[in-house]
Amino acid sequence: MAGALVVGLLPAGVAAAASPVKPDVAALAAPHDKLVPFTRATPKRGSSPKRFKHFDPSGHTKLPAPGSAVVTLPNAAASASLSAKATQERAGSMPVLLGTAAGSQPRSAAVTRPQRVRVTMLDQKAARAAGVHGVLFTLQRTSPGSGKVALRVDDSSFRYAFGGDFASRLHLVQLPACALTTPKLTKCQAQTAVHTTSGAPLSAQVSVPGSPTASGTVISPRSATAASSAMVVMAAAAGTSGSSGDYSATSLSPGGSWSTSGNTGSFTYSYPIVVPPAIGGAAPNVSLSYSSASQDARTEGTNNQSSWLGDGWTSTENYVERTYKSCSDDSSSGAPKDDGDECWAGQILTLSLNGTSTDIVYDDATKTFRPADDNSTTKIEDLSNGTNGTKNGEYFKVTEGGVQYFFGLNRLPGWTSGKDETKSVWTMPVYHAHSGVSDCPDSTDFASTACTLGYRFNLDYAVDTHGNATAWYYAPETGYYGADLKDTAVAYTRGGTLSRIDYGMTATTIYSGTAPEQVVFDASAERCIAGTPSGNTCADSQFTAANAAYWPDVPIDLNCASGSSNCTNHGPSFWSRKRLTSITTQIQTGGVTKQVDKYSFTQSFPDGGDHAPTLWLDSIQRTGLDTLGGASGSTSTPAVNFDPPLQLPNRVGTIPQMPLMYHDRIQTVTSETGAQTTVTYDRPNCSSAPASDPNDPTDAAARTFASTNTLSCFPVYWTPYGQPAPMMDWFYKYKVTAVVTEDTHNSYQDGTEPKLETDYAYKGNPGWHYDDNEVVKAKYRTWGQFRGYPEVDVTTGDPNVSHKTDGAQVYDQKTLSKTYYFLGMNGDTLPGGKTRSVPALTSQDGATSVADDKALTGQVFETDTYTSATGSLNTATVTVPTIIGPTASRSRSGLPDLTARMVRTAKSLSRQAVSYGWRKTETDTFYNTTLGKPTTGMPVQIDDRGETTDSHNVAKCAYTRYLTGAVDTLVVPAEIITTDQDCSAAGATPGGALISDVRTSYDKNAFAYDGDGQQNAALPTTGDVTLVQKASAATGATATAFVDEATTTYDGYGRSTLSTRTPHSTAPNGTSLSQSTATGYTPATGELPTSVVTATQVTPGATCTTGTTSSKDCHVASSTIDPARAVPTATTDAAVLTHLTHL
């Protein structure tokens, strides 16, 4: 299997749990006569069929035609005896229903007379002119009296008229009467929220005044040519957000802060993309990852358009993201009411690099940046004066271990006019940013403070200490919106995709022709259903409002055209039209481009249940295109298949009439060989989750419950459109209870198929932490940050499964392991300004306790293994952390300070059951705790105490000295001194007898270490190990003599060209027994080598180079290399030629 399956564990403390959600057995059934190629074995059955309902918008895409009809309402007395539904009457064939409002009657004496209201539906031209994406209609009485009517808009016939879950974004608004006559005026497009009924977004009680005439003024349904003062102008209009998600949120959603450690209970799957090696340095990491936890994190407040791969999937992303806040939430901005623009929020930054994500802490004192998860050798710089489309040319430089990563540089070293720009910065207008960006205007006039700034700075350039360079290029998608509540379209970056990665260059050859190695991403395909309707090819020209339903997860109504002067979307929204269909790797060899591998992705739109569908990844297929290894043509493996998906509701349902937000999860993975992995998810019981109390403005009862929540569901505060106050909504957190893999291609002697079952049990209460997102208003913060479960028990095998081997019945053996985790809940915020106090974690033997600090969230405290599922404890390992710092701190209004800290392992304690009781071992590690140093947080003293209860035990202590390079993030170990002492206290010095002393020199410089007293010592620039020496004599713990152990020479790429190993002994005649190996690469530069020659000394002192011939003094071997995969296709060794073919 090309992918890797992982279940991130979480112990669950649900008071009562419903039965697990199991896959549909019928849907998983497969024919027995289908053969799967790629293996010589005959499969027992084929892969799972795609038996799930695909999205079909037919019958739900037509916006209502203009028209007019009169609805006769029963009088108040008659309606009182009927249900609300029974008293609602449809206005002709239009999707508007009216009824008598509860507790309301016309203000006239004729209370027994039926009331009549005319409903007039305007055409789409009038709706768009009034700034409405949806339906625009009017209400007007044609009978005496006035009062409220019960209004409901039935969106069933047009819920998919636009993409992006259009129906969930519809809400009722009232517009001024002049919206029908002078809609170009800003004041005439003002939309006033209507107080909806019971949270239903399209139901409300609306006041309709009496008409000055008996029949009322009739307006043309096709164009608004008249308006009466007694006429009420209403609309069901789409916004950027709704009950099923928020397109105004960037892809950096709150779900990004969810734990993905081993205690989350999520199902994860990873698929590595194999890329050709780099000439020098590291090749870029490209991988695809799925996590069911990302699906759990989808709420009404997150941007729920799936990634370019499909729902729940991510590809390797590296970026710095800056968070802004809505200007409507910034009282000091001077923004107009209901303004949708973004305003400066301070130094709120996130770094995602090399598979890890962390907050960036802007230190209040030093005005410098540190990663919140500090790792000593990371330096973050916020730079300006680049040329990348931002006002201040802002970009970021992150240096780790001497490797420099640039985010948003755009024009790389050597750029000249006409060369490619990386287009790596995604921008938007930002208001009131002068306090953070001095280049931005400073004015009391809100409109004058607009400033184009970046919100995402993608990684676009990396260079290592040898100058090996990698470049990332992007394809941004430009959107337009009406900034500052004006209708003139203003450009911003609504999204984008990675288009290619170039590598194998050096810092001076970035633009010297085609890169030696490339990874190309094809994201030209639309997120569209081709062929539906007939003739739809998903061409760019077909991306129109008329075809919007066939881009089901693309909100075309939020799109304004470039240069438009009628752009009524007054806030940015973030989405993409594109999907990833393939990744191709390729190299340059002999000056010609050769493709190596192609990974193809098949996607679909499963039916979304109660909301519009999202993109789903059906399969991944790899095709080998490389013929340099001897293959005659391309070779494809069978696809890895992820169908059918399992649909589960995200919303618990505590707010009536809200959609349950069904989202798909992986339930079955069929590998290339036909092996099937089936996932079972637990269905949480969240029936006790409370709704908000409308009679209590503090919502004290619901907040208290949320602060002590022990359910597998979490609360979110939000204000449904038309509601006066925030409401607490609840969402499920699903956890995996079992993963079963069956190999359908192989069998035991009795014909049964191999089967591996892993079961997960979650113990204790899950941790739900107070939301510390500082751009979220305090009234919306609650206890919704998931910290995982404190204990996870993993059982593998099934004792009920057996097979016959050699006539004997063999039963599957069940194993058990238990893992205990930190949740980081101590010190959490509680209602009333109180602070949570939780007990320290204590090891199972009671010997060790550690406080549950926030910095330790998700880390393993103890792992225990048992002799069997019902057996006794066999081994236990306790990891005791230590926290160094804070190394940076930034104060936050209404929240604890954001700090950067280093978490390290202080002790590793293990015990194992043996015949005489327990064998206990311990290792203690001490670190440089002096803040602000390049070596802060690095281990300086490691005490291997061995078996502490053994009287014959001998402890060992290793001391490490470091050397800081010319770049202070390049820190290398210079000397490791190991003695036979027990140094269990910090600050010890070498004592006892010396066991070993190893010194390392770098870059052909003399040996040195920090603090050795040398004046102007040469510092490493590349960090290449060029000399290793070992102590050959000592007095006590002090070495008195050293001998050379090994030397190495490198080429400009950092590849070894000459290595020499020197044994401690000498020949009988006193000559050295050192042995060297020379390595030559062809070509030497510019491309991956197609041949490698090694020449190894047989006779010490003999002249031996890659150009010599094999002899008794020198052994020469050569290999012809497939450069795409760095594997030999032919080898010559001792005159023997061997050919190899690689498929």
Foldseek 3Di string as FASTA:
>chain_A
DQKDKDFQAFFADFPDFDFFDFDDPVQFDFDQPDAFDDDPFGFRGFGGDFPFFFDDCPQQADADDWDKAKDWFAFPVVCVVDDPVVRWDDGPPAQKIKYADPPKAFPDPPRRDIWMKMKTWADPVLCLLLLFDFTKIKIATLAFGWIKMKMFGDNRRRQLLFAAQQNQQWAKWWFDQCSQPCSQDLNRSDTHFAFADLLARGIHIDIQGHAPHNGHDDADRHGRDDGDPRMIMMGGGGAQFGFQAGLLAAQCDPLVQFDPHRFQQKMKMKRFDDFFAAQFDGDDGKIKMFIVSSVLPGGRYHHQFDDLFWRRMDIQFWWKFADWFAVCVPPQLPADHPFAETAHDPRWMWTRDDHDIFTWFQFPPPRAIATQQHDLLKGKDWDFPAPQPFLGRTKMWIAFQQKIWIFRNQQAPPDDPPDGTQNQFWKDWYWPCCVPPVSFDDDSDGVRRTTIDGRIGGTAWMAHLLQWIKGWHWDFDKFWAAESSFQWTDITTQGIGTAKMAGNDGSNCPPVDGGQKMKGWDFPQFLFDPPVPNPRHRDPVPPDSSRSSRSRSDRSLQGDDHRDRSGSRRHHGHDDGTHTAKMWIWGADPNDIFTFKMKGWDWGFGCFVPTTTHIHTFWIKMKGADCLQPDPGIDIFDIWGQPDWDWDFFWPCQRPPRDSRIDTDGAWIQDSQGKIKGWIKIRWDPVVQHKADPVDQLSVVNQQCQQVPQTQKHWWWDAGGSHDAIMITITGSIRTFKMKIWRSRDAAPVRHTDMKMKGKHRDDGWAFFWDPPQSDDPRGIGRHHTLRGFKMKMKMADQVDWDDDPRDIGGIFIWIKMWGFQRQQFQGAGPPRDGDHDAFDADPVRPDTDRSHNSRRSPTAKMWIAPGPPGHTFKMKGWDKDKADQLRWDDGPPHHISTRIHIDTAKIWMWGQDPVGIQIWMKGWDAQRDHPASRHPPTAKIKGQGRVVDPPTWIKMKGWFWAAAPPRSNIDTFKIWMARDGPSDPPDDDFFATPKMKGWDPPPFDRDTPPPPDDPGHGHSNRHTAWMWIAPAADTRGGDDIDTAKGFDADSSRHTAKMKGWDPDDDPVRHTPIKMKGKDFVVRGDHQGQKMKIKIAPDPPDDTYSPDDDDNGIWMKMFGASSRHRDGQWIAGPNDIDGHGDD
